[in-house]
Amino acid sequence: MGDMGAGFRLTADAASTVGQFVTVFISVYSLLIFAYIITSWIRLPYSFEPVQRFLYDVCEPYIRIFRRILPPLGPLDVSPIVAIAVLVLIDRLVNDVIISNVH
């Protein structure tokens, strides 16, 4: 009986670790998207070009998915906002599934 409790704790710990990883990953990626948006609004010195290029390479493929789906709203690009909202939704869904499967 004690081995089952240890196995459950191990499973719960692994699930908790996966949930924390997903949350941290989505938080970092959301911050990268925010940085991408901000750096697209302002003109940075040439020395920051590698940073801007990195942000573009990391964020643009994901944001482009939403640009294809969403109609343009004049000069306002809401695709990054929707992209972050989807990430938050994925985080909640993953963590809800993990929590419900552990209990």
C-alpha atoms as a PDB file:
ATOM      1  CA  MET A   1       0.000   0.000   0.000  1.00  0.00           C
ATOM      2  CA  GLY A   2       2.899   2.339   0.754  1.00  0.00           C
ATOM      3  CA  ASP A   3       4.307   1.773  -2.752  1.00  0.00           C
ATOM      4  CA  MET A   4       1.061   2.983  -4.330  1.00  0.00           C
ATOM      5  CA  GLY A   5       1.245   6.190  -2.317  1.00  0.00           C
ATOM      6  CA  ALA A   6       4.834   6.724  -3.403  1.00  0.00           C
ATOM      7  CA  GLY A   7       3.869   6.102  -7.038  1.00  0.00           C
ATOM      8  CA  PHE A   8       1.006   8.561  -6.782  1.00  0.00           C
ATOM      9  CA  ARG A   9       3.310  11.180  -5.239  1.00  0.00           C
ATOM     10  CA  LEU A  10       5.832  10.596  -8.037  1.00  0.00           C
ATOM     11  CA  THR A  11       3.106  10.971 -10.664  1.00  0.00           C
ATOM     12  CA  ALA A  12       1.757  14.080  -8.948  1.00  0.00           C
ATOM     13  CA  ASP A  13       5.270  15.556  -8.749  1.00  0.00           C
ATOM     14  CA  ALA A  14       5.905  14.845 -12.444  1.00  0.00           C
ATOM     15  CA  ALA A  15       2.558  16.351 -13.410  1.00  0.00           C
ATOM     16  CA  SER A  16       3.252  19.397 -11.271  1.00  0.00           C
ATOM     17  CA  THR A  17       6.662  19.781 -12.906  1.00  0.00           C
ATOM     18  CA  VAL A  18       5.132  19.559 -16.386  1.00  0.00           C
ATOM     19  CA  GLY A  19       2.498  22.120 -15.428  1.00  0.00           C
ATOM     20  CA  GLN A  20       5.136  24.475 -14.060  1.00  0.00           C
ATOM     21  CA  PHE A  21       7.258  24.048 -17.201  1.00  0.00           C
ATOM     22  CA  VAL A  22       4.305  24.888 -19.449  1.00  0.00           C
ATOM     23  CA  THR A  23       3.465  27.938 -17.336  1.00  0.00           C
ATOM     24  CA  VAL A  24       7.053  29.225 -17.348  1.00  0.00           C
ATOM     25  CA  PHE A  25       7.478  28.544 -21.073  1.00  0.00           C
ATOM     26  CA  ILE A  26       4.271  30.389 -21.943  1.00  0.00           C
ATOM     27  CA  SER A  27       5.173  33.275 -19.626  1.00  0.00           C
ATOM     28  CA  VAL A  28       8.602  33.680 -21.222  1.00  0.00           C
ATOM     29  CA  TYR A  29       7.183  33.394 -24.748  1.00  0.00           C
ATOM     30  CA  SER A  30       4.513  35.993 -23.926  1.00  0.00           C
ATOM     31  CA  LEU A  31       7.223  38.344 -22.670  1.00  0.00           C
ATOM     32  CA  LEU A  32       9.147  37.791 -25.898  1.00  0.00           C
ATOM     33  CA  ILE A  33       6.030  38.710 -27.877  1.00  0.00           C
ATOM     34  CA  PHE A  34       5.628  41.893 -25.793  1.00  0.00           C
ATOM     35  CA  ALA A  35       9.286  42.750 -26.413  1.00  0.00           C
ATOM     36  CA  TYR A  36       8.777  42.096 -30.121  1.00  0.00           C
ATOM     37  CA  ILE A  37       5.792  44.438 -30.209  1.00  0.00           C
ATOM     38  CA  ILE A  38       7.608  47.193 -28.329  1.00  0.00           C
ATOM     39  CA  THR A  39      10.749  46.941 -30.460  1.00  0.00           C
ATOM     40  CA  SER A  40       8.620  47.114 -33.607  1.00  0.00           C
ATOM     41  CA  TRP A  41       7.232  50.492 -32.462  1.00  0.00           C
ATOM     42  CA  ILE A  42      10.538  52.206 -31.730  1.00  0.00           C
ATOM     43  CA  ARG A  43      13.701  52.642 -33.687  1.00  0.00           C
ATOM     44  CA  LEU A  44      16.576  51.016 -31.845  1.00  0.00           C
ATOM     45  CA  PRO A  45      20.286  51.593 -32.422  1.00  0.00           C
ATOM     46  CA  TYR A  46      22.023  49.351 -34.914  1.00  0.00           C
ATOM     47  CA  SER A  47      23.701  47.442 -32.098  1.00  0.00           C
ATOM     48  CA  PHE A  48      20.278  46.043 -31.106  1.00  0.00           C
ATOM     49  CA  GLU A  49      19.563  44.662 -34.567  1.00  0.00           C
ATOM     50  CA  PRO A  50      20.510  41.073 -33.541  1.00  0.00           C
ATOM     51  CA  VAL A  51      18.001  41.302 -30.675  1.00  0.00           C
ATOM     52  CA  GLN A  52      15.267  42.544 -32.990  1.00  0.00           C
ATOM     53  CA  ARG A  53      16.100  39.803 -35.487  1.00  0.00           C
ATOM     54  CA  PHE A  54      15.939  37.156 -32.751  1.00  0.00           C
ATOM     55  CA  LEU A  55      12.548  38.451 -31.575  1.00  0.00           C
ATOM     56  CA  TYR A  56      11.276  38.474 -35.162  1.00  0.00           C
ATOM     57  CA  ASP A  57      12.510  34.923 -35.817  1.00  0.00           C
ATOM     58  CA  VAL A  58      10.997  33.611 -32.588  1.00  0.00           C
ATOM     59  CA  CYS A  59       7.668  35.465 -32.516  1.00  0.00           C
ATOM     60  CA  GLU A  60       6.643  36.150 -36.108  1.00  0.00           C
ATOM     61  CA  PRO A  61       5.870  32.547 -37.185  1.00  0.00           C
ATOM     62  CA  TYR A  62       3.385  32.154 -34.301  1.00  0.00           C
ATOM     63  CA  ILE A  63       1.838  35.623 -34.700  1.00  0.00           C
ATOM     64  CA  ARG A  64       1.544  35.122 -38.465  1.00  0.00           C
ATOM     65  CA  ILE A  65      -0.969  32.315 -37.837  1.00  0.00           C
ATOM     66  CA  PHE A  66      -3.355  34.848 -36.316  1.00  0.00           C
ATOM     67  CA  ARG A  67      -2.636  37.514 -38.940  1.00  0.00           C
ATOM     68  CA  ARG A  68      -3.919  35.083 -41.577  1.00  0.00           C
ATOM     69  CA  ILE A  69      -7.108  34.400 -39.627  1.00  0.00           C
ATOM     70  CA  LEU A  70      -8.007  37.841 -38.250  1.00  0.00           C
ATOM     71  CA  PRO A  71      -9.266  40.596 -40.510  1.00  0.00           C
ATOM     72  CA  PRO A  72      -7.238  43.822 -40.352  1.00  0.00           C
ATOM     73  CA  LEU A  73      -8.680  46.567 -38.154  1.00  0.00           C
ATOM     74  CA  GLY A  74      -7.198  49.518 -39.975  1.00  0.00           C
ATOM     75  CA  PRO A  75      -3.740  50.330 -38.685  1.00  0.00           C
ATOM     76  CA  LEU A  76      -4.286  48.280 -35.504  1.00  0.00           C
ATOM     77  CA  ASP A  77      -2.772  44.788 -35.443  1.00  0.00           C
ATOM     78  CA  VAL A  78      -4.563  42.745 -32.793  1.00  0.00           C
ATOM     79  CA  SER A  79      -2.933  39.445 -33.759  1.00  0.00           C
ATOM     80  CA  PRO A  80      -0.254  39.611 -31.000  1.00  0.00           C
ATOM     81  CA  ILE A  81      -2.960  40.196 -28.388  1.00  0.00           C
ATOM     82  CA  VAL A  82      -4.970  37.236 -29.644  1.00  0.00           C
ATOM     83  CA  ALA A  83      -1.779  35.145 -29.833  1.00  0.00           C
ATOM     84  CA  ILE A  84      -1.013  35.851 -26.170  1.00  0.00           C
ATOM     85  CA  ALA A  85      -4.633  35.181 -25.178  1.00  0.00           C
ATOM     86  CA  VAL A  86      -4.423  31.775 -26.889  1.00  0.00           C
ATOM     87  CA  LEU A  87      -1.191  31.024 -25.010  1.00  0.00           C
ATOM     88  CA  VAL A  88      -2.878  31.874 -21.704  1.00  0.00           C
ATOM     89  CA  LEU A  89      -5.817  29.645 -22.643  1.00  0.00           C
ATOM     90  CA  ILE A  90      -3.458  26.770 -23.511  1.00  0.00           C
ATOM     91  CA  ASP A  91      -1.668  27.222 -20.181  1.00  0.00           C
ATOM     92  CA  ARG A  92      -4.940  27.052 -18.281  1.00  0.00           C
ATOM     93  CA  LEU A  93      -6.169  24.039 -20.239  1.00  0.00           C
ATOM     94  CA  VAL A  94      -2.927  22.107 -19.782  1.00  0.00           C
ATOM     95  CA  ASN A  95      -2.800  22.833 -16.073  1.00  0.00           C
ATOM     96  CA  ASP A  96      -6.511  21.999 -15.624  1.00  0.00           C
ATOM     97  CA  VAL A  97      -6.011  18.658 -17.407  1.00  0.00           C
ATOM     98  CA  ILE A  98      -2.942  17.897 -15.310  1.00  0.00           C
ATOM     99  CA  ILE A  99      -4.702  18.781 -12.061  1.00  0.00           C
ATOM    100  CA  SER A 100      -7.824  16.782 -12.953  1.00  0.00           C
ATOM    101  CA  ASN A 101      -5.756  13.718 -13.918  1.00  0.00           C
ATOM    102  CA  VAL A 102      -3.691  13.815 -10.733  1.00  0.00           C
ATOM    103  CA  HIS A 103      -6.660  14.009  -8.376  1.00  0.00           C
END
